[in-house]
Amino acid sequence: MTDIQTSLFPPRSVSQFVEDLKDLTQEVQELYRQDEIPWIIGYSGGKDSTAILQLIWNAISSLPPEERHKTIYVITTDTLVENPIVAAWVRHSIERIKVAAQEQDLPIEAHLLYPDISQTYWVGLIGKGYPAPRHNFRWCTPRLKIDPSNRFIRDLVRINGEVIVILGMRKAESANRAAIMAQRDIKKVRDRLCPHPHLPSSLLYTPIEDWSTDEVWLYLMQWENPWGYNNKDLFAMYRESTEENECPLVVDTSTPSCGSSRFGCWVCTLVDSDKSLEAMIQNNEEKDWLQPLINMRHELDIRGDREKRDFRRIYGKVELFERNVDGEISIEPIPGPYTKYWREYWVRRILEAQIEVQKNAPKEMKDITLITLEELSEIRRIWLEEKHEFEDSLPRIYQEVTGEVFSDTRLGAEDSLLGNDEWGILAEICHEDTMHMELMSRLLDTERQFYTKSRRTGIYETLDKCFEISSRSKDEAIENAHFKRDLKMASLEGDIAQVKQLSWANIKFKEQNS
């Protein structure tokens, strides 16, 4: 056991655990019968959520059919960048839950949720150019994981007025988790329910909050899985994903429980490394086909990526920040999205990794996709319509890597402004002046977007924005940002002479560069 487990929860004997489990089962049944508020179980396929679902399933199935009066929704979110082994496990489990609930005449519905196509990881990173997530820019978690489940819950709230969300949270997981749950205990409104911290009209229920990791495994190993899945396979998956490839089945204070594995997104750069995926490969040579995922994740996890990113923010403006460089304050541009070169590089790399994985994966995993055609279509749309990159390079990259023609479900060849020949002529005219090339692209594509409109209201403002964003070289744009910063500081300090001097210097600069 870990220190947090032993300090908060002294080990219970097996007989005591069995008695407490009976009381907990009765509690679940009483809560279920109390009202008409639907239940939502958050299911990830891991040990805790499996234990929660199994506990609820067994409790409700023991009720007479006439008392099973309200629906229990089981929801899980596939971020599309989950560990492929775990993702397959969860998908198959959801299918088994649907079949078993129908066969056993239980009011249980299972739903596999996905993020909106515009919010997926690759659309954000490759399409919009968001840098690989960091703790100070954690753009992925809400889009991929939280928003899909919150939408589902809010929809049920609108229909029913209220819901009860059931999670497999446990105080023994960490001291921080224990502290958070202790605060929620104070706010409990009735029985074991407390208000959901983020969702109005939602109550939170955490039945196994006092269980230790050993008790979770004891329950999963000794009580049969009611929807026909094999919990021993789940145990084996956890064991494979630990560095030591070892998980004690009984309470053993001298060795760690099989609970430290965290199955998350294989692309995650918020952790130092994906230890569970690396351990799977290390402990089972038949999973070597997963190595391209490790390699790509290491490529993404580059802290010093400023040279891969635009000097402007995603909306085109240069913004400055104070940076400490060797003890000196340096005022520099805030790095923006990945440049066109690197976004094209990443789409090529993920397609290459996908081909390699599909080539070497076992038969049952041959249909694995690391990036979907729908995501590629959305990335293409962003490059064409938002970034004005009408070279339309994605179909070409796709064909070069896969040997197949890219079949776009939403955009056709007519959506591209220029063909390869015309694009080549434009590139030749602009030569190596990348900003001139970018400005021409924006101006031409703005005309294309307004051409089919019955009213061209707003075209002049859009053209002005093109010049504002792309008419200056990198050095000129940064110098202009410094000027605006200095002018603002002088104005705030009431230094009229400095304001006049800066304004005059700016006029002379524009004349010299006009």
Protein backbone atom coordinates (compact mmCIF):
# COMPACT_ATOMS: atom_id res chain seq x y z
CA MET A 1 0.00 0.00 0.00
CA THR A 2 1.05 3.61 -0.52
CA ASP A 3 1.42 6.01 2.40
CA ILE A 4 -1.81 7.81 1.55
CA GLN A 5 -3.70 4.51 1.61
CA THR A 6 -2.33 3.32 4.94
CA SER A 7 -2.64 6.70 6.66
CA LEU A 8 -6.23 7.37 5.59
CA PHE A 9 -7.60 3.86 5.35
CA PRO A 10 -6.30 1.13 7.68
CA PRO A 11 -6.53 -2.23 5.87
CA ARG A 12 -9.86 -4.01 6.26
CA SER A 13 -10.06 -7.75 6.54
CA VAL A 14 -11.69 -9.58 3.66
CA SER A 15 -14.67 -10.47 5.82
CA GLN A 16 -15.08 -6.83 6.85
CA PHE A 17 -14.86 -5.75 3.21
CA VAL A 18 -17.59 -8.24 2.29
CA GLU A 19 -19.86 -6.86 5.02
CA ASP A 20 -19.20 -3.26 3.97
CA LEU A 21 -19.89 -4.24 0.36
CA LYS A 22 -23.32 -5.55 1.38
CA ASP A 23 -24.08 -2.24 3.09
CA LEU A 24 -22.87 -0.30 0.05
CA THR A 25 -25.04 -2.41 -2.27
CA GLN A 26 -28.05 -1.65 -0.11
CA GLU A 27 -27.16 2.05 -0.16
CA VAL A 28 -27.01 2.03 -3.98
CA GLN A 29 -30.41 0.34 -4.17
CA GLU A 30 -32.00 2.81 -1.75
CA LEU A 31 -30.60 5.82 -3.63
CA TYR A 32 -31.81 4.39 -6.92
CA ARG A 33 -35.37 3.91 -5.64
CA GLN A 34 -35.63 7.34 -4.02
CA ASP A 35 -36.48 9.43 -7.07
CA GLU A 36 -36.73 9.64 -10.86
CA ILE A 37 -33.40 11.43 -11.39
CA PRO A 38 -31.40 9.54 -14.07
CA TRP A 39 -27.90 8.27 -13.31
CA ILE A 40 -24.82 8.79 -15.44
CA ILE A 41 -21.77 6.59 -14.84
CA GLY A 42 -18.43 7.83 -16.11
CA TYR A 43 -16.69 4.77 -17.55
CA SER A 44 -13.11 4.76 -18.84
CA GLY A 45 -12.47 1.01 -18.91
CA GLY A 46 -9.96 1.28 -16.08
CA LYS A 47 -10.09 -0.54 -12.77
CA ASP A 48 -11.98 2.10 -10.75
CA SER A 49 -14.68 2.82 -13.33
CA THR A 50 -15.07 -0.92 -13.98
CA ALA A 51 -15.54 -1.51 -10.25
CA ILE A 52 -18.13 1.29 -10.08
CA LEU A 53 -20.11 -0.03 -13.04
CA GLN A 54 -19.93 -3.59 -11.74
CA LEU A 55 -21.12 -2.47 -8.28
CA ILE A 56 -24.08 -0.50 -9.70
CA TRP A 57 -24.95 -3.27 -12.18
CA ASN A 58 -25.02 -5.97 -9.50
CA ALA A 59 -27.04 -3.80 -7.12
CA ILE A 60 -29.71 -2.84 -9.68
CA SER A 61 -29.97 -6.33 -11.19
CA SER A 62 -30.85 -7.62 -7.70
CA LEU A 63 -33.95 -5.40 -7.61
CA PRO A 64 -37.30 -6.73 -8.82
CA PRO A 65 -37.93 -5.76 -12.49
CA GLU A 66 -40.77 -3.40 -11.52
CA GLU A 67 -38.36 -1.36 -9.35
CA ARG A 68 -35.83 -0.78 -12.14
CA HIS A 69 -37.69 2.39 -13.01
CA LYS A 70 -35.08 4.81 -14.35
CA THR A 71 -32.32 4.70 -16.92
CA ILE A 72 -28.63 4.44 -16.06
CA TYR A 73 -26.41 5.97 -18.75
CA VAL A 74 -22.85 4.69 -19.11
CA ILE A 75 -20.68 7.18 -20.98
CA THR A 76 -17.07 7.07 -22.10
CA THR A 77 -15.15 9.47 -24.33
CA ASP A 78 -12.75 8.35 -27.03
CA THR A 79 -10.34 11.26 -27.57
CA LEU A 80 -9.12 9.57 -30.82
CA VAL A 81 -5.59 9.64 -29.39
CA GLU A 82 -6.08 7.05 -26.65
CA ASN A 83 -3.64 4.21 -26.10
CA PRO A 84 -4.80 1.90 -28.97
CA ILE A 85 -4.89 -1.19 -26.73
CA VAL A 86 -7.07 0.56 -24.16
CA ALA A 87 -9.24 2.19 -26.82
CA ALA A 88 -10.00 -1.21 -28.37
CA TRP A 89 -10.70 -2.64 -24.92
CA VAL A 90 -13.21 0.13 -24.15
CA ARG A 91 -14.97 -0.06 -27.53
CA HIS A 92 -15.49 -3.82 -27.20
CA SER A 93 -16.58 -3.38 -23.59
CA ILE A 94 -19.21 -0.81 -24.57
CA GLU A 95 -20.62 -3.25 -27.14
CA ARG A 96 -20.74 -6.01 -24.53
CA ILE A 97 -22.51 -3.69 -22.08
CA LYS A 98 -25.20 -2.89 -24.66
CA VAL A 99 -25.84 -6.55 -25.43
CA ALA A 100 -25.74 -7.77 -21.82
CA ALA A 101 -28.07 -4.99 -20.56
CA GLN A 102 -30.63 -5.94 -23.18
CA GLU A 103 -30.32 -9.66 -22.45
CA GLN A 104 -30.69 -9.07 -18.70
CA ASP A 105 -33.54 -6.56 -19.15
CA LEU A 106 -31.67 -3.78 -17.33
CA PRO A 107 -32.30 -0.04 -17.93
CA ILE A 108 -28.64 0.57 -18.82
CA GLU A 109 -27.60 2.48 -21.93
CA ALA A 110 -23.95 2.69 -23.04
CA HIS A 111 -22.72 5.63 -25.12
CA LEU A 112 -19.31 6.09 -26.72
CA LEU A 113 -18.71 9.84 -27.12
CA TYR A 114 -16.25 11.69 -29.34
CA PRO A 115 -15.00 15.28 -29.46
CA ASP A 116 -16.37 17.52 -32.21
CA ILE A 117 -14.27 17.10 -35.34
CA SER A 118 -13.23 20.75 -35.08
CA GLN A 119 -11.91 20.13 -31.56
CA THR A 120 -9.78 16.98 -31.99
CA TYR A 121 -6.09 16.84 -31.13
CA TRP A 122 -4.76 16.70 -34.69
CA VAL A 123 -7.13 19.39 -35.93
CA GLY A 124 -5.81 21.65 -33.18
CA LEU A 125 -2.12 20.81 -33.60
CA ILE A 126 -1.87 20.30 -37.38
CA GLY A 127 -4.86 22.30 -38.58
CA LYS A 128 -4.70 25.42 -36.42
CA GLY A 129 -1.05 24.97 -35.44
CA TYR A 130 -1.47 24.85 -31.65
CA PRO A 131 1.84 23.82 -30.06
CA ALA A 132 2.02 20.47 -28.28
CA PRO A 133 0.20 20.99 -24.94
CA ARG A 134 2.08 22.23 -21.89
CA HIS A 135 0.91 22.89 -18.34
CA ASN A 136 0.68 26.62 -19.10
CA PHE A 137 -1.26 25.95 -22.33
CA ARG A 138 -3.32 22.83 -21.67
CA TRP A 139 -5.67 23.27 -24.61
CA CYS A 140 -6.35 19.55 -25.10
CA THR A 141 -8.16 18.26 -22.00
CA PRO A 142 -11.37 20.33 -22.17
CA ARG A 143 -11.75 19.84 -25.94
CA LEU A 144 -11.03 16.12 -26.05
CA LYS A 145 -12.32 14.74 -22.76
CA ILE A 146 -14.46 17.14 -20.75
CA ASP A 147 -16.62 18.89 -23.34
CA PRO A 148 -18.13 15.73 -24.95
CA SER A 149 -19.28 14.30 -21.61
CA ASN A 150 -20.47 17.71 -20.35
CA ARG A 151 -22.60 18.14 -23.48
CA PHE A 152 -24.18 14.74 -22.90
CA ILE A 153 -24.89 15.58 -19.25
CA ARG A 154 -26.31 19.03 -20.03
CA ASP A 155 -28.63 17.52 -22.65
CA LEU A 156 -30.01 15.13 -20.02
CA VAL A 157 -30.37 17.98 -17.53
CA ARG A 158 -32.45 19.93 -20.06
CA ILE A 159 -34.74 16.93 -20.49
CA ASN A 160 -34.96 15.76 -16.86
CA GLY A 161 -34.12 18.87 -14.85
CA GLU A 162 -31.44 17.09 -12.83
CA VAL A 163 -28.97 14.18 -13.04
CA ILE A 164 -26.74 12.19 -10.71
CA VAL A 165 -23.20 11.64 -11.97
CA ILE A 166 -21.42 8.56 -10.57
CA LEU A 167 -17.62 8.46 -10.66
CA GLY A 168 -14.98 6.00 -9.47
CA MET A 169 -13.00 8.64 -7.57
CA ARG A 170 -11.13 7.38 -4.52
CA LYS A 171 -9.45 9.30 -1.71
CA ALA A 172 -6.60 6.79 -1.64
CA GLU A 173 -5.44 7.80 -5.13
CA SER A 174 -3.50 10.81 -3.85
CA ALA A 175 -3.33 13.33 -1.02
CA ASN A 176 -4.61 16.03 -3.37
CA ARG A 177 -7.60 13.91 -4.39
CA ALA A 178 -8.35 13.15 -0.74
CA ALA A 179 -8.30 16.87 0.12
CA ILE A 180 -10.65 17.74 -2.76
CA MET A 181 -13.09 15.01 -1.80
CA ALA A 182 -12.97 16.04 1.86
CA GLN A 183 -14.08 19.55 0.82
CA ARG A 184 -16.95 18.04 -1.16
CA ASP A 185 -18.04 16.03 1.88
CA ILE A 186 -18.80 19.33 3.63
CA LYS A 187 -21.12 20.38 0.78
CA LYS A 188 -23.15 17.18 0.61
CA VAL A 189 -26.83 17.98 0.31
CA ARG A 190 -28.31 14.59 1.14
CA ASP A 191 -27.16 11.07 1.83
CA ARG A 192 -23.90 10.62 -0.15
CA LEU A 193 -24.61 13.24 -2.81
CA CYS A 194 -22.92 16.61 -3.28
CA PRO A 195 -23.31 19.28 -5.99
CA HIS A 196 -21.17 18.67 -9.07
CA PRO A 197 -18.39 21.30 -8.98
CA HIS A 198 -18.76 22.26 -12.66
CA LEU A 199 -22.21 21.21 -13.85
CA PRO A 200 -25.37 22.98 -12.61
CA SER A 201 -28.32 20.80 -11.64
CA SER A 202 -26.00 17.80 -11.32
CA LEU A 203 -25.24 15.81 -8.19
CA LEU A 204 -22.09 13.78 -7.66
CA TYR A 205 -21.99 10.29 -6.14
CA THR A 206 -18.70 8.47 -5.42
CA PRO A 207 -19.60 5.08 -3.88
CA ILE A 208 -16.08 3.59 -3.64
CA GLU A 209 -14.38 6.75 -2.40
CA ASP A 210 -13.07 4.91 0.72
CA TRP A 211 -11.75 1.82 -1.08
CA SER A 212 -8.04 1.11 -1.32
CA THR A 213 -6.44 -0.04 -4.56
CA ASP A 214 -6.13 -3.56 -3.16
CA GLU A 215 -9.85 -3.63 -2.39
CA VAL A 216 -10.67 -2.54 -5.93
CA TRP A 217 -8.69 -5.47 -7.32
CA LEU A 218 -10.12 -7.83 -4.71
CA TYR A 219 -13.62 -6.91 -5.86
CA LEU A 220 -12.79 -7.23 -9.55
CA MET A 221 -11.05 -10.57 -9.14
CA GLN A 222 -13.51 -12.23 -6.77
CA TRP A 223 -16.83 -10.95 -8.13
CA GLU A 224 -17.74 -11.93 -11.69
CA ASN A 225 -18.06 -9.22 -14.31
CA PRO A 226 -21.83 -9.03 -15.01
CA TRP A 227 -21.61 -7.90 -18.65
CA GLY A 228 -19.40 -10.85 -19.62
CA TYR A 229 -16.00 -9.18 -19.79
CA ASN A 230 -12.98 -10.84 -18.17
CA ASN A 231 -11.55 -8.74 -15.35
CA LYS A 232 -8.44 -10.90 -15.38
CA ASP A 233 -7.67 -9.51 -18.83
CA LEU A 234 -7.99 -6.03 -17.36
CA PHE A 235 -5.59 -7.03 -14.60
CA ALA A 236 -3.15 -8.39 -17.19
CA MET A 237 -3.33 -5.09 -19.10
CA TYR A 238 -2.45 -3.17 -15.94
CA ARG A 239 0.37 -5.59 -15.15
CA GLU A 240 1.81 -5.20 -18.64
CA SER A 241 1.77 -1.44 -18.33
CA THR A 242 3.87 -1.35 -15.14
CA GLU A 243 7.63 -1.22 -15.41
CA GLU A 244 8.12 -4.23 -13.13
CA ASN A 245 5.39 -6.22 -14.91
CA GLU A 246 4.12 -7.19 -11.47
CA CYS A 247 0.84 -6.67 -9.59
CA PRO A 248 0.17 -8.29 -6.21
CA LEU A 249 -3.30 -9.75 -5.92
CA VAL A 250 -3.45 -9.59 -2.14
CA VAL A 251 -2.78 -6.84 0.35
CA ASP A 252 0.99 -6.58 0.48
CA THR A 253 2.45 -3.51 2.13
CA SER A 254 5.95 -4.32 0.87
CA THR A 255 5.11 -3.91 -2.83
CA PRO A 256 3.04 -1.34 -4.72
CA SER A 257 -0.44 -2.22 -5.83
CA CYS A 258 -1.28 -2.57 -9.49
CA GLY A 259 -2.86 0.84 -9.61
CA SER A 260 -0.19 3.34 -10.57
CA SER A 261 -0.66 2.84 -14.31
CA ARG A 262 -2.37 5.74 -16.02
CA PHE A 263 -3.80 4.98 -19.42
CA GLY A 264 -4.08 8.27 -21.24
CA CYS A 265 -3.51 9.85 -24.61
CA TRP A 266 -0.43 8.45 -26.32
CA VAL A 267 0.49 11.94 -27.59
CA CYS A 268 0.39 13.50 -24.11
CA THR A 269 3.25 15.98 -23.54
CA LEU A 270 1.96 17.00 -20.11
CA VAL A 271 3.93 14.11 -18.59
CA ASP A 272 7.60 13.30 -18.93
CA SER A 273 6.87 10.07 -20.79
CA ASP A 274 4.07 7.59 -21.45
CA LYS A 275 5.29 5.00 -18.97
CA SER A 276 2.31 2.68 -19.44
CA LEU A 277 2.76 2.47 -23.21
CA GLU A 278 6.53 2.11 -22.92
CA ALA A 279 6.07 -0.67 -20.35
CA MET A 280 3.62 -2.49 -22.63
CA ILE A 281 6.26 -2.61 -25.35
CA GLN A 282 9.00 -3.52 -22.90
CA ASN A 283 7.02 -6.35 -21.27
CA ASN A 284 5.54 -7.86 -24.43
CA GLU A 285 7.59 -8.10 -27.62
CA GLU A 286 4.38 -8.74 -29.57
CA LYS A 287 3.47 -5.10 -28.94
CA ASP A 288 6.56 -3.73 -30.72
CA TRP A 289 4.18 -2.46 -33.40
CA LEU A 290 3.30 0.38 -31.00
CA GLN A 291 6.85 1.80 -31.14
CA PRO A 292 6.01 4.41 -33.87
CA LEU A 293 3.65 6.05 -31.37
CA ILE A 294 6.45 6.40 -28.83
CA ASN A 295 8.74 7.82 -31.50
CA MET A 296 6.21 10.40 -32.64
CA ARG A 297 5.38 11.44 -29.09
CA HIS A 298 9.09 12.09 -28.44
CA GLU A 299 9.21 14.27 -31.56
CA LEU A 300 6.25 16.30 -30.34
CA ASP A 301 7.72 16.75 -26.86
CA ILE A 302 10.22 19.49 -27.71
CA ARG A 303 10.37 22.29 -25.15
CA GLY A 304 12.46 24.69 -27.23
CA ASP A 305 10.16 24.86 -30.24
CA ARG A 306 10.25 28.60 -30.91
CA GLU A 307 11.90 28.12 -34.31
CA LYS A 308 8.96 25.90 -35.36
CA ARG A 309 6.38 28.56 -34.57
CA ASP A 310 5.23 31.82 -36.12
CA PHE A 311 6.39 35.11 -34.59
CA ARG A 312 2.72 36.21 -34.53
CA ARG A 313 -0.16 34.93 -32.48
CA ILE A 314 -2.81 32.81 -34.19
CA TYR A 315 -4.88 35.93 -35.00
CA GLY A 316 -1.91 37.55 -36.77
CA LYS A 317 -0.69 40.15 -34.28
CA VAL A 318 2.76 40.39 -32.70
CA GLU A 319 2.52 40.38 -28.90
CA LEU A 320 5.52 40.90 -26.64
CA PHE A 321 6.44 39.43 -23.28
CA GLU A 322 9.31 39.85 -20.85
CA ARG A 323 11.62 36.86 -20.84
CA ASN A 324 14.55 36.15 -18.51
CA VAL A 325 17.61 35.26 -20.59
CA ASP A 326 20.77 34.57 -18.57
CA GLY A 327 19.63 36.93 -15.84
CA GLU A 328 18.73 39.73 -18.25
CA ILE A 329 15.21 40.84 -19.17
CA SER A 330 14.56 40.38 -22.89
CA ILE A 331 11.34 41.65 -24.49
CA GLU A 332 10.44 39.20 -27.24
CA PRO A 333 7.44 38.13 -29.35
CA ILE A 334 5.17 35.47 -27.87
CA PRO A 335 5.54 32.42 -30.15
CA GLY A 336 2.40 31.63 -32.11
CA PRO A 337 1.16 28.54 -33.97
CA TYR A 338 3.34 26.10 -35.88
CA THR A 339 4.44 27.43 -39.23
CA LYS A 340 3.16 26.04 -42.52
CA TYR A 341 6.33 23.97 -42.95
CA TRP A 342 5.94 22.26 -39.57
CA ARG A 343 2.20 21.69 -39.90
CA GLU A 344 2.85 19.92 -43.20
CA TYR A 345 5.68 18.01 -41.52
CA TRP A 346 3.39 16.77 -38.73
CA VAL A 347 0.67 15.57 -41.11
CA ARG A 348 3.29 13.66 -43.06
CA ARG A 349 4.71 12.11 -39.87
CA ILE A 350 1.36 10.96 -38.48
CA LEU A 351 0.44 9.36 -41.81
CA GLU A 352 3.82 7.59 -41.92
CA ALA A 353 3.33 6.34 -38.35
CA GLN A 354 -0.17 5.13 -39.20
CA ILE A 355 1.06 3.13 -42.19
CA GLU A 356 3.85 1.55 -40.13
CA VAL A 357 1.47 0.63 -37.30
CA GLN A 358 -1.11 -0.87 -39.67
CA LYS A 359 1.61 -2.87 -41.40
CA ASN A 360 2.90 -4.48 -38.20
CA ALA A 361 -0.19 -4.62 -35.97
CA PRO A 362 -1.87 -7.96 -35.18
CA LYS A 363 -4.86 -8.96 -37.28
CA GLU A 364 -7.44 -7.67 -34.81
CA MET A 365 -5.83 -4.19 -34.84
CA LYS A 366 -5.18 -3.83 -38.59
CA ASP A 367 -7.94 -1.23 -38.96
CA ILE A 368 -6.30 1.13 -36.47
CA THR A 369 -6.31 4.79 -37.44
CA LEU A 370 -4.12 7.42 -35.81
CA ILE A 371 -5.79 10.25 -37.73
CA THR A 372 -9.19 9.96 -39.39
CA LEU A 373 -10.22 11.08 -42.86
CA GLU A 374 -12.71 13.46 -41.25
CA GLU A 375 -9.88 15.10 -39.32
CA LEU A 376 -7.77 15.39 -42.46
CA SER A 377 -10.72 17.01 -44.24
CA GLU A 378 -11.13 19.57 -41.44
CA ILE A 379 -7.39 20.27 -41.44
CA ARG A 380 -7.54 20.85 -45.18
CA ARG A 381 -10.50 23.22 -44.75
CA ILE A 382 -8.63 25.25 -42.09
CA TRP A 383 -5.53 25.51 -44.28
CA LEU A 384 -7.62 26.66 -47.26
CA GLU A 385 -10.27 28.87 -45.66
CA GLU A 386 -8.69 30.22 -42.47
CA LYS A 387 -5.00 30.27 -43.32
CA HIS A 388 -5.50 31.02 -47.05
CA GLU A 389 -2.94 28.37 -48.05
CA PHE A 390 -4.62 27.69 -51.38
CA GLU A 391 -1.67 25.64 -52.59
CA ASP A 392 -3.88 22.88 -51.11
CA SER A 393 -0.94 20.72 -50.10
CA LEU A 394 -2.76 18.15 -47.95
CA PRO A 395 -4.09 15.94 -50.80
CA ARG A 396 -0.60 15.94 -52.33
CA ILE A 397 1.07 14.95 -49.02
CA TYR A 398 -1.55 12.26 -48.44
CA GLN A 399 -0.96 10.71 -51.86
CA GLU A 400 2.83 10.90 -51.52
CA VAL A 401 2.77 9.06 -48.17
CA THR A 402 -0.06 6.56 -48.71
CA GLY A 403 0.03 6.09 -52.48
CA GLU A 404 -3.72 6.71 -52.52
CA VAL A 405 -5.81 9.63 -53.75
CA PHE A 406 -7.24 11.66 -50.87
CA SER A 407 -11.02 11.32 -50.93
CA ASP A 408 -12.41 14.40 -49.23
CA THR A 409 -15.93 14.05 -47.91
CA ARG A 410 -16.53 17.82 -47.75
CA LEU A 411 -14.20 19.72 -50.10
CA GLY A 412 -13.52 19.13 -53.77
CA ALA A 413 -10.83 20.25 -56.19
CA GLU A 414 -12.95 23.30 -57.05
CA ASP A 415 -12.34 24.64 -53.54
CA SER A 416 -8.68 25.24 -54.38
CA LEU A 417 -8.09 28.72 -55.80
CA LEU A 418 -5.04 27.92 -57.94
CA GLY A 419 -3.63 24.76 -59.46
CA ASN A 420 -0.06 23.61 -58.91
CA ASP A 421 1.19 25.44 -62.02
CA GLU A 422 -0.37 28.76 -61.02
CA TRP A 423 0.87 28.36 -57.47
CA GLY A 424 4.38 27.72 -58.82
CA ILE A 425 4.25 30.92 -60.88
CA LEU A 426 3.15 32.93 -57.84
CA ALA A 427 5.95 31.39 -55.77
CA GLU A 428 8.45 32.27 -58.50
CA ILE A 429 7.24 35.89 -58.61
CA CYS A 430 7.55 36.26 -54.83
CA HIS A 431 10.88 34.39 -54.90
CA GLU A 432 12.10 33.96 -51.29
CA ASP A 433 9.96 36.73 -49.84
CA THR A 434 7.69 34.57 -47.68
CA MET A 435 5.71 37.49 -46.30
CA HIS A 436 4.98 38.79 -49.82
CA MET A 437 3.85 35.30 -50.77
CA GLU A 438 1.62 35.14 -47.71
CA LEU A 439 0.12 38.57 -48.44
CA MET A 440 -0.66 37.62 -52.04
CA SER A 441 -2.28 34.40 -50.86
CA ARG A 442 -4.47 36.23 -48.36
CA LEU A 443 -5.54 38.90 -50.84
CA LEU A 444 -6.37 36.43 -53.61
CA ASP A 445 -8.22 34.09 -51.28
CA THR A 446 -10.18 36.96 -49.75
CA GLU A 447 -11.38 37.84 -53.25
CA ARG A 448 -12.29 34.18 -53.84
CA GLN A 449 -14.31 33.98 -50.61
CA PHE A 450 -16.26 37.17 -51.41
CA TYR A 451 -16.69 36.45 -55.11
CA THR A 452 -19.72 34.17 -54.72
CA LYS A 453 -21.49 36.37 -52.16
CA SER A 454 -24.49 38.42 -53.28
CA ARG A 455 -23.26 41.27 -51.07
CA ARG A 456 -19.58 42.00 -50.61
CA THR A 457 -20.07 43.92 -47.36
CA GLY A 458 -16.93 43.74 -45.25
CA ILE A 459 -14.43 43.00 -48.02
CA TYR A 460 -12.47 46.24 -47.48
CA GLU A 461 -12.12 45.57 -43.75
CA THR A 462 -10.94 42.03 -44.55
CA LEU A 463 -8.41 43.31 -47.09
CA ASP A 464 -7.13 45.86 -44.55
CA LYS A 465 -6.62 43.01 -42.08
CA CYS A 466 -4.59 41.11 -44.70
CA PHE A 467 -2.22 44.08 -45.01
CA GLU A 468 -2.09 44.55 -41.23
CA ILE A 469 -1.08 40.92 -40.69
CA SER A 470 1.15 40.16 -43.67
CA SER A 471 2.53 43.36 -45.23
CA ARG A 472 5.57 43.66 -42.93
CA SER A 473 8.63 41.46 -42.74
CA LYS A 474 9.28 39.64 -39.48
CA ASP A 475 11.79 42.26 -38.29
CA GLU A 476 9.53 45.16 -39.26
CA ALA A 477 6.50 43.61 -37.55
CA ILE A 478 8.45 43.04 -34.34
CA GLU A 479 9.89 46.57 -34.44
CA ASN A 480 6.37 47.94 -34.93
CA ALA A 481 5.18 45.98 -31.88
CA HIS A 482 8.02 47.44 -29.80
CA PHE A 483 7.09 50.93 -31.02
CA LYS A 484 3.46 50.48 -29.98
CA ARG A 485 4.55 49.16 -26.59
CA ASP A 486 6.92 52.10 -26.02
CA LEU A 487 4.26 54.57 -27.17
CA LYS A 488 1.70 53.08 -24.78
CA MET A 489 4.17 53.17 -21.87
CA ALA A 490 5.07 56.81 -22.62
CA SER A 491 1.40 57.77 -22.81
CA LEU A 492 0.63 56.09 -19.49
CA GLU A 493 3.56 57.91 -17.88
CA GLY A 494 2.44 61.25 -19.36
CA ASP A 495 5.72 61.76 -21.24
CA ILE A 496 4.43 64.02 -24.06
CA ALA A 497 7.90 64.66 -25.48
CA GLN A 498 8.59 60.94 -25.72
CA VAL A 499 5.22 60.36 -27.41
CA LYS A 500 5.99 63.04 -30.04
CA GLN A 501 9.48 61.65 -30.61
CA LEU A 502 8.18 58.11 -31.08
CA SER A 503 5.40 59.27 -33.41
CA TRP A 504 7.88 61.24 -35.56
CA ALA A 505 10.26 58.28 -35.68
CA ASN A 506 7.41 56.03 -36.80
CA ILE A 507 6.47 58.41 -39.64
CA LYS A 508 10.08 58.48 -40.89
CA PHE A 509 10.27 54.66 -40.66
CA LYS A 510 7.12 54.27 -42.78
CA GLU A 511 8.44 56.73 -45.38
CA GLN A 512 11.70 54.83 -45.69
CA ASN A 513 9.93 51.49 -46.12
CA SER A 514 7.01 52.61 -48.31
